[in-house]
Amino acid sequence: MEKYEYKTIKLKQKSWGLISSRSIPDLEKELNEQAKEGWRYVEHILPSAAFGDSDAIVLVFERKKMYG
């Protein structure tokens, strides 16, 4: 049976004003760095902040365990 391990990384989103959209700095760079270490992107989570808005994104990665 294959076993997996998981890793999460929290990235802060940058806001461009009260109503404007947010951007995630270096998202592609972060995904590629993790892929180089054998991590595979699984999903993202947007933690709720004030009024249901989110100021961060949590990336979830997985990879097969080498041992055990």
PDB file of N, CA and C in Angstrom:
ATOM      1  N   MET A   1       0.820  -1.167   0.000  1.00  0.00           N
ATOM      2  CA  MET A   1       0.000   0.000   0.000  1.00  0.00           C
ATOM      3  C   MET A   1       0.881   1.253   0.000  1.00  0.00           C
ATOM      4  N   GLU A   2       0.555   2.192  -0.874  1.00  0.00           N
ATOM      5  CA  GLU A   2       1.315   3.431  -0.942  1.00  0.00           C
ATOM      6  C   GLU A   2       0.923   4.353   0.212  1.00  0.00           C
ATOM      7  N   LYS A   3       1.925   5.021   0.751  1.00  0.00           N
ATOM      8  CA  LYS A   3       1.693   5.987   1.821  1.00  0.00           C
ATOM      9  C   LYS A   3       2.141   7.358   1.342  1.00  0.00           C
ATOM     10  N   TYR A   4       1.456   8.373   1.821  1.00  0.00           N
ATOM     11  CA  TYR A   4       1.740   9.742   1.406  1.00  0.00           C
ATOM     12  C   TYR A   4       2.026  10.619   2.614  1.00  0.00           C
ATOM     13  N   GLU A   5       2.756  11.694   2.353  1.00  0.00           N
ATOM     14  CA  GLU A   5       2.942  12.735   3.352  1.00  0.00           C
ATOM     15  C   GLU A   5       2.455  14.038   2.738  1.00  0.00           C
ATOM     16  N   TYR A   6       2.054  14.958   3.603  1.00  0.00           N
ATOM     17  CA  TYR A   6       1.458  16.207   3.137  1.00  0.00           C
ATOM     18  C   TYR A   6       2.201  17.402   3.707  1.00  0.00           C
ATOM     19  N   LYS A   7       2.112  18.498   2.967  1.00  0.00           N
ATOM     20  CA  LYS A   7       2.788  19.734   3.351  1.00  0.00           C
ATOM     21  C   LYS A   7       1.853  20.885   3.002  1.00  0.00           C
ATOM     22  N   THR A   8       1.783  21.889   3.862  1.00  0.00           N
ATOM     23  CA  THR A   8       1.003  23.085   3.554  1.00  0.00           C
ATOM     24  C   THR A   8       1.912  24.308   3.603  1.00  0.00           C
ATOM     25  N   ILE A   9       1.616  25.244   2.743  1.00  0.00           N
ATOM     26  CA  ILE A   9       2.348  26.508   2.703  1.00  0.00           C
ATOM     27  C   ILE A   9       1.325  27.630   2.649  1.00  0.00           C
ATOM     28  N   LYS A  10       1.447  28.583   3.554  1.00  0.00           N
ATOM     29  CA  LYS A  10       0.529  29.720   3.598  1.00  0.00           C
ATOM     30  C   LYS A  10       1.179  30.916   2.911  1.00  0.00           C
ATOM     31  N   LEU A  11       0.510  31.438   1.897  1.00  0.00           N
ATOM     32  CA  LEU A  11       0.987  32.617   1.182  1.00  0.00           C
ATOM     33  C   LEU A  11       0.034  33.770   1.447  1.00  0.00           C
ATOM     34  N   LYS A  12       0.574  34.908   1.805  1.00  0.00           N
ATOM     35  CA  LYS A  12      -0.239  36.102   2.022  1.00  0.00           C
ATOM     36  C   LYS A  12      -0.633  36.689   0.670  1.00  0.00           C
ATOM     37  N   GLN A  13      -1.876  37.137   0.570  1.00  0.00           N
ATOM     38  CA  GLN A  13      -2.344  37.812  -0.631  1.00  0.00           C
ATOM     39  C   GLN A  13      -2.156  39.310  -0.451  1.00  0.00           C
ATOM     40  N   LYS A  14      -1.801  39.973  -1.534  1.00  0.00           N
ATOM     41  CA  LYS A  14      -1.650  41.422  -1.486  1.00  0.00           C
ATOM     42  C   LYS A  14      -2.932  42.057  -1.991  1.00  0.00           C
ATOM     43  N   SER A  15      -3.439  43.021  -1.246  1.00  0.00           N
ATOM     44  CA  SER A  15      -4.668  43.700  -1.611  1.00  0.00           C
ATOM     45  C   SER A  15      -4.335  45.018  -2.300  1.00  0.00           C
ATOM     46  N   TRP A  16      -5.154  45.352  -3.254  1.00  0.00           N
ATOM     47  CA  TRP A  16      -4.962  46.615  -3.977  1.00  0.00           C
ATOM     48  C   TRP A  16      -6.094  47.582  -3.673  1.00  0.00           C
ATOM     49  N   GLY A  17      -6.680  47.511  -2.519  1.00  0.00           N
ATOM     50  CA  GLY A  17      -7.760  48.411  -2.139  1.00  0.00           C
ATOM     51  C   GLY A  17      -8.899  47.644  -1.511  1.00  0.00           C
ATOM     52  N   LEU A  18      -9.858  48.367  -0.992  1.00  0.00           N
ATOM     53  CA  LEU A  18     -10.961  47.753  -0.271  1.00  0.00           C
ATOM     54  C   LEU A  18     -11.809  46.845  -1.151  1.00  0.00           C
ATOM     55  N   ILE A  19     -12.104  47.252  -2.372  1.00  0.00           N
ATOM     56  CA  ILE A  19     -13.004  46.489  -3.241  1.00  0.00           C
ATOM     57  C   ILE A  19     -12.238  45.770  -4.353  1.00  0.00           C
ATOM     58  N   SER A  20     -11.018  46.118  -4.578  1.00  0.00           N
ATOM     59  CA  SER A  20     -10.268  45.547  -5.700  1.00  0.00           C
ATOM     60  C   SER A  20      -9.821  44.113  -5.416  1.00  0.00           C
ATOM     61  N   SER A  21      -9.352  43.467  -6.438  1.00  0.00           N
ATOM     62  CA  SER A  21      -8.926  42.072  -6.307  1.00  0.00           C
ATOM     63  C   SER A  21      -7.589  41.973  -5.579  1.00  0.00           C
ATOM     64  N   ARG A  22      -7.278  40.767  -5.200  1.00  0.00           N
ATOM     65  CA  ARG A  22      -6.015  40.495  -4.517  1.00  0.00           C
ATOM     66  C   ARG A  22      -5.101  39.720  -5.456  1.00  0.00           C
ATOM     67  N   SER A  23      -3.810  39.799  -5.196  1.00  0.00           N
ATOM     68  CA  SER A  23      -2.852  39.026  -5.984  1.00  0.00           C
ATOM     69  C   SER A  23      -2.015  38.174  -5.035  1.00  0.00           C
ATOM     70  N   ILE A  24      -1.519  37.073  -5.566  1.00  0.00           N
ATOM     71  CA  ILE A  24      -0.689  36.167  -4.779  1.00  0.00           C
ATOM     72  C   ILE A  24       0.732  36.269  -5.332  1.00  0.00           C
ATOM     73  N   PRO A  25       1.640  36.819  -4.561  1.00  0.00           N
ATOM     74  CA  PRO A  25       3.000  37.003  -5.068  1.00  0.00           C
ATOM     75  C   PRO A  25       3.709  35.678  -5.316  1.00  0.00           C
ATOM     76  N   ASP A  26       4.298  35.564  -6.496  1.00  0.00           N
ATOM     77  CA  ASP A  26       5.163  34.426  -6.845  1.00  0.00           C
ATOM     78  C   ASP A  26       4.507  33.053  -6.685  1.00  0.00           C
ATOM     79  N   LEU A  27       3.240  32.932  -7.032  1.00  0.00           N
ATOM     80  CA  LEU A  27       2.547  31.649  -6.919  1.00  0.00           C
ATOM     81  C   LEU A  27       3.197  30.604  -7.820  1.00  0.00           C
ATOM     82  N   GLU A  28       3.458  30.954  -9.065  1.00  0.00           N
ATOM     83  CA  GLU A  28       4.081  30.010 -10.003  1.00  0.00           C
ATOM     84  C   GLU A  28       5.465  29.594  -9.517  1.00  0.00           C
ATOM     85  N   LYS A  29       6.215  30.545  -8.993  1.00  0.00           N
ATOM     86  CA  LYS A  29       7.550  30.245  -8.470  1.00  0.00           C
ATOM     87  C   LYS A  29       7.466  29.241  -7.317  1.00  0.00           C
ATOM     88  N   GLU A  30       6.531  29.452  -6.406  1.00  0.00           N
ATOM     89  CA  GLU A  30       6.365  28.558  -5.253  1.00  0.00           C
ATOM     90  C   GLU A  30       5.963  27.154  -5.703  1.00  0.00           C
ATOM     91  N   LEU A  31       5.036  27.059  -6.649  1.00  0.00           N
ATOM     92  CA  LEU A  31       4.614  25.749  -7.157  1.00  0.00           C
ATOM     93  C   LEU A  31       5.786  25.005  -7.794  1.00  0.00           C
ATOM     94  N   ASN A  32       6.580  25.695  -8.586  1.00  0.00           N
ATOM     95  CA  ASN A  32       7.731  25.065  -9.242  1.00  0.00           C
ATOM     96  C   ASN A  32       8.808  24.653  -8.246  1.00  0.00           C
ATOM     97  N   GLU A  33       9.024  25.456  -7.215  1.00  0.00           N
ATOM     98  CA  GLU A  33      10.023  25.093  -6.198  1.00  0.00           C
ATOM     99  C   GLU A  33       9.615  23.812  -5.473  1.00  0.00           C
ATOM    100  N   GLN A  34       8.353  23.697  -5.135  1.00  0.00           N
ATOM    101  CA  GLN A  34       7.890  22.501  -4.442  1.00  0.00           C
ATOM    102  C   GLN A  34       7.946  21.277  -5.358  1.00  0.00           C
ATOM    103  N   ALA A  35       7.618  21.467  -6.621  1.00  0.00           N
ATOM    104  CA  ALA A  35       7.677  20.355  -7.583  1.00  0.00           C
ATOM    105  C   ALA A  35       9.100  19.822  -7.724  1.00  0.00           C
ATOM    106  N   LYS A  36      10.090  20.685  -7.667  1.00  0.00           N
ATOM    107  CA  LYS A  36      11.491  20.258  -7.749  1.00  0.00           C
ATOM    108  C   LYS A  36      11.864  19.338  -6.588  1.00  0.00           C
ATOM    109  N   GLU A  37      11.166  19.490  -5.457  1.00  0.00           N
ATOM    110  CA  GLU A  37      11.433  18.662  -4.279  1.00  0.00           C
ATOM    111  C   GLU A  37      10.534  17.431  -4.231  1.00  0.00           C
ATOM    112  N   GLY A  38       9.781  17.207  -5.300  1.00  0.00           N
ATOM    113  CA  GLY A  38       8.943  16.014  -5.376  1.00  0.00           C
ATOM    114  C   GLY A  38       7.526  16.183  -4.862  1.00  0.00           C
ATOM    115  N   TRP A  39       7.150  17.407  -4.492  1.00  0.00           N
ATOM    116  CA  TRP A  39       5.804  17.655  -3.985  1.00  0.00           C
ATOM    117  C   TRP A  39       4.863  17.914  -5.156  1.00  0.00           C
ATOM    118  N   ARG A  40       3.649  17.389  -5.046  1.00  0.00           N
ATOM    119  CA  ARG A  40       2.621  17.567  -6.070  1.00  0.00           C
ATOM    120  C   ARG A  40       1.500  18.406  -5.470  1.00  0.00           C
ATOM    121  N   TYR A  41       1.119  19.459  -6.203  1.00  0.00           N
ATOM    122  CA  TYR A  41       0.032  20.326  -5.749  1.00  0.00           C
ATOM    123  C   TYR A  41      -1.265  19.524  -5.725  1.00  0.00           C
ATOM    124  N   VAL A  42      -2.023  19.620  -4.630  1.00  0.00           N
ATOM    125  CA  VAL A  42      -3.282  18.899  -4.489  1.00  0.00           C
ATOM    126  C   VAL A  42      -4.462  19.863  -4.543  1.00  0.00           C
ATOM    127  N   GLU A  43      -4.437  20.889  -3.706  1.00  0.00           N
ATOM    128  CA  GLU A  43      -5.528  21.853  -3.675  1.00  0.00           C
ATOM    129  C   GLU A  43      -5.117  23.088  -2.899  1.00  0.00           C
ATOM    130  N   HIS A  44      -6.011  24.062  -2.866  1.00  0.00           N
ATOM    131  CA  HIS A  44      -5.763  25.257  -2.064  1.00  0.00           C
ATOM    132  C   HIS A  44      -6.958  25.506  -1.143  1.00  0.00           C
ATOM    133  N   ILE A  45      -6.685  26.209  -0.069  1.00  0.00           N
ATOM    134  CA  ILE A  45      -7.698  26.556   0.920  1.00  0.00           C
ATOM    135  C   ILE A  45      -7.624  28.063   1.129  1.00  0.00           C
ATOM    136  N   LEU A  46      -8.780  28.714   1.161  1.00  0.00           N
ATOM    137  CA  LEU A  46      -8.846  30.143   1.446  1.00  0.00           C
ATOM    138  C   LEU A  46      -9.436  30.329   2.840  1.00  0.00           C
ATOM    139  N   PRO A  47      -8.586  30.538   3.845  1.00  0.00           N
ATOM    140  CA  PRO A  47      -9.103  30.727   5.204  1.00  0.00           C
ATOM    141  C   PRO A  47      -9.963  31.985   5.277  1.00  0.00           C
ATOM    142  N   SER A  48     -11.060  31.917   5.977  1.00  0.00           N
ATOM    143  CA  SER A  48     -11.957  33.070   6.101  1.00  0.00           C
ATOM    144  C   SER A  48     -11.365  34.111   7.034  1.00  0.00           C
ATOM    145  N   ALA A  49     -11.540  35.345   6.637  1.00  0.00           N
ATOM    146  CA  ALA A  49     -11.140  36.473   7.479  1.00  0.00           C
ATOM    147  C   ALA A  49     -12.399  37.334   7.667  1.00  0.00           C
ATOM    148  N   ALA A  50     -12.234  38.608   7.857  1.00  0.00           N
ATOM    149  CA  ALA A  50     -13.361  39.504   8.083  1.00  0.00           C
ATOM    150  C   ALA A  50     -14.340  39.480   6.917  1.00  0.00           C
ATOM    151  N   PHE A  51     -15.601  39.371   7.210  1.00  0.00           N
ATOM    152  CA  PHE A  51     -16.689  39.402   6.230  1.00  0.00           C
ATOM    153  C   PHE A  51     -16.565  38.298   5.183  1.00  0.00           C
ATOM    154  N   GLY A  52     -15.948  37.166   5.544  1.00  0.00           N
ATOM    155  CA  GLY A  52     -15.810  36.046   4.617  1.00  0.00           C
ATOM    156  C   GLY A  52     -14.694  36.218   3.612  1.00  0.00           C
ATOM    157  N   ASP A  53     -13.985  37.329   3.681  1.00  0.00           N
ATOM    158  CA  ASP A  53     -12.866  37.591   2.789  1.00  0.00           C
ATOM    159  C   ASP A  53     -11.659  36.793   3.275  1.00  0.00           C
ATOM    160  N   SER A  54     -10.656  36.672   2.449  1.00  0.00           N
ATOM    161  CA  SER A  54      -9.447  35.958   2.835  1.00  0.00           C
ATOM    162  C   SER A  54      -8.223  36.783   2.471  1.00  0.00           C
ATOM    163  N   ASP A  55      -7.246  36.819   3.367  1.00  0.00           N
ATOM    164  CA  ASP A  55      -6.028  37.571   3.094  1.00  0.00           C
ATOM    165  C   ASP A  55      -4.846  36.638   2.832  1.00  0.00           C
ATOM    166  N   ALA A  56      -5.143  35.338   2.687  1.00  0.00           N
ATOM    167  CA  ALA A  56      -4.085  34.360   2.461  1.00  0.00           C
ATOM    168  C   ALA A  56      -4.645  33.183   1.666  1.00  0.00           C
ATOM    169  N   ILE A  57      -3.747  32.388   1.152  1.00  0.00           N
ATOM    170  CA  ILE A  57      -4.110  31.153   0.482  1.00  0.00           C
ATOM    171  C   ILE A  57      -3.186  30.073   1.032  1.00  0.00           C
ATOM    172  N   VAL A  58      -3.738  28.926   1.324  1.00  0.00           N
ATOM    173  CA  VAL A  58      -2.946  27.809   1.828  1.00  0.00           C
ATOM    174  C   VAL A  58      -2.864  26.767   0.715  1.00  0.00           C
ATOM    175  N   LEU A  59      -1.661  26.457   0.294  1.00  0.00           N
ATOM    176  CA  LEU A  59      -1.440  25.452  -0.744  1.00  0.00           C
ATOM    177  C   LEU A  59      -1.183  24.108  -0.078  1.00  0.00           C
ATOM    178  N   VAL A  60      -1.796  23.061  -0.591  1.00  0.00           N
ATOM    179  CA  VAL A  60      -1.631  21.720  -0.044  1.00  0.00           C
ATOM    180  C   VAL A  60      -0.885  20.877  -1.075  1.00  0.00           C
ATOM    181  N   PHE A  61       0.189  20.216  -0.626  1.00  0.00           N
ATOM    182  CA  PHE A  61       1.013  19.370  -1.488  1.00  0.00           C
ATOM    183  C   PHE A  61       1.070  17.965  -0.909  1.00  0.00           C
ATOM    184  N   GLU A  62       1.337  16.997  -1.763  1.00  0.00           N
ATOM    185  CA  GLU A  62       1.540  15.625  -1.304  1.00  0.00           C
ATOM    186  C   GLU A  62       2.680  14.992  -2.081  1.00  0.00           C
ATOM    187  N   ARG A  63       3.265  13.963  -1.494  1.00  0.00           N
ATOM    188  CA  ARG A  63       4.240  13.136  -2.190  1.00  0.00           C
ATOM    189  C   ARG A  63       4.268  11.768  -1.523  1.00  0.00           C
ATOM    190  N   LYS A  64       4.690  10.770  -2.280  1.00  0.00           N
ATOM    191  CA  LYS A  64       4.766   9.433  -1.728  1.00  0.00           C
ATOM    192  C   LYS A  64       5.886   9.388  -0.692  1.00  0.00           C
ATOM    193  N   LYS A  65       5.620   8.683   0.391  1.00  0.00           N
ATOM    194  CA  LYS A  65       6.642   8.503   1.413  1.00  0.00           C
ATOM    195  C   LYS A  65       7.718   7.567   0.887  1.00  0.00           C
ATOM    196  N   MET A  66       8.933   7.901   1.169  1.00  0.00           N
ATOM    197  CA  MET A  66      10.056   7.089   0.727  1.00  0.00           C
ATOM    198  C   MET A  66      10.180   5.824   1.562  1.00  0.00           C
ATOM    199  N   TYR A  67       9.968   5.960   2.868  1.00  0.00           N
ATOM    200  CA  TYR A  67      10.119   4.834   3.783  1.00  0.00           C
ATOM    201  C   TYR A  67       8.930   4.793   4.724  1.00  0.00           C
ATOM    202  N   GLY A  68       8.490   3.590   5.053  1.00  0.00           N
ATOM    203  CA  GLY A  68       7.457   3.418   6.068  1.00  0.00           C
ATOM    204  C   GLY A  68       6.132   3.717   5.567  1.00  0.00           C
TER     205      GLY A  68
END
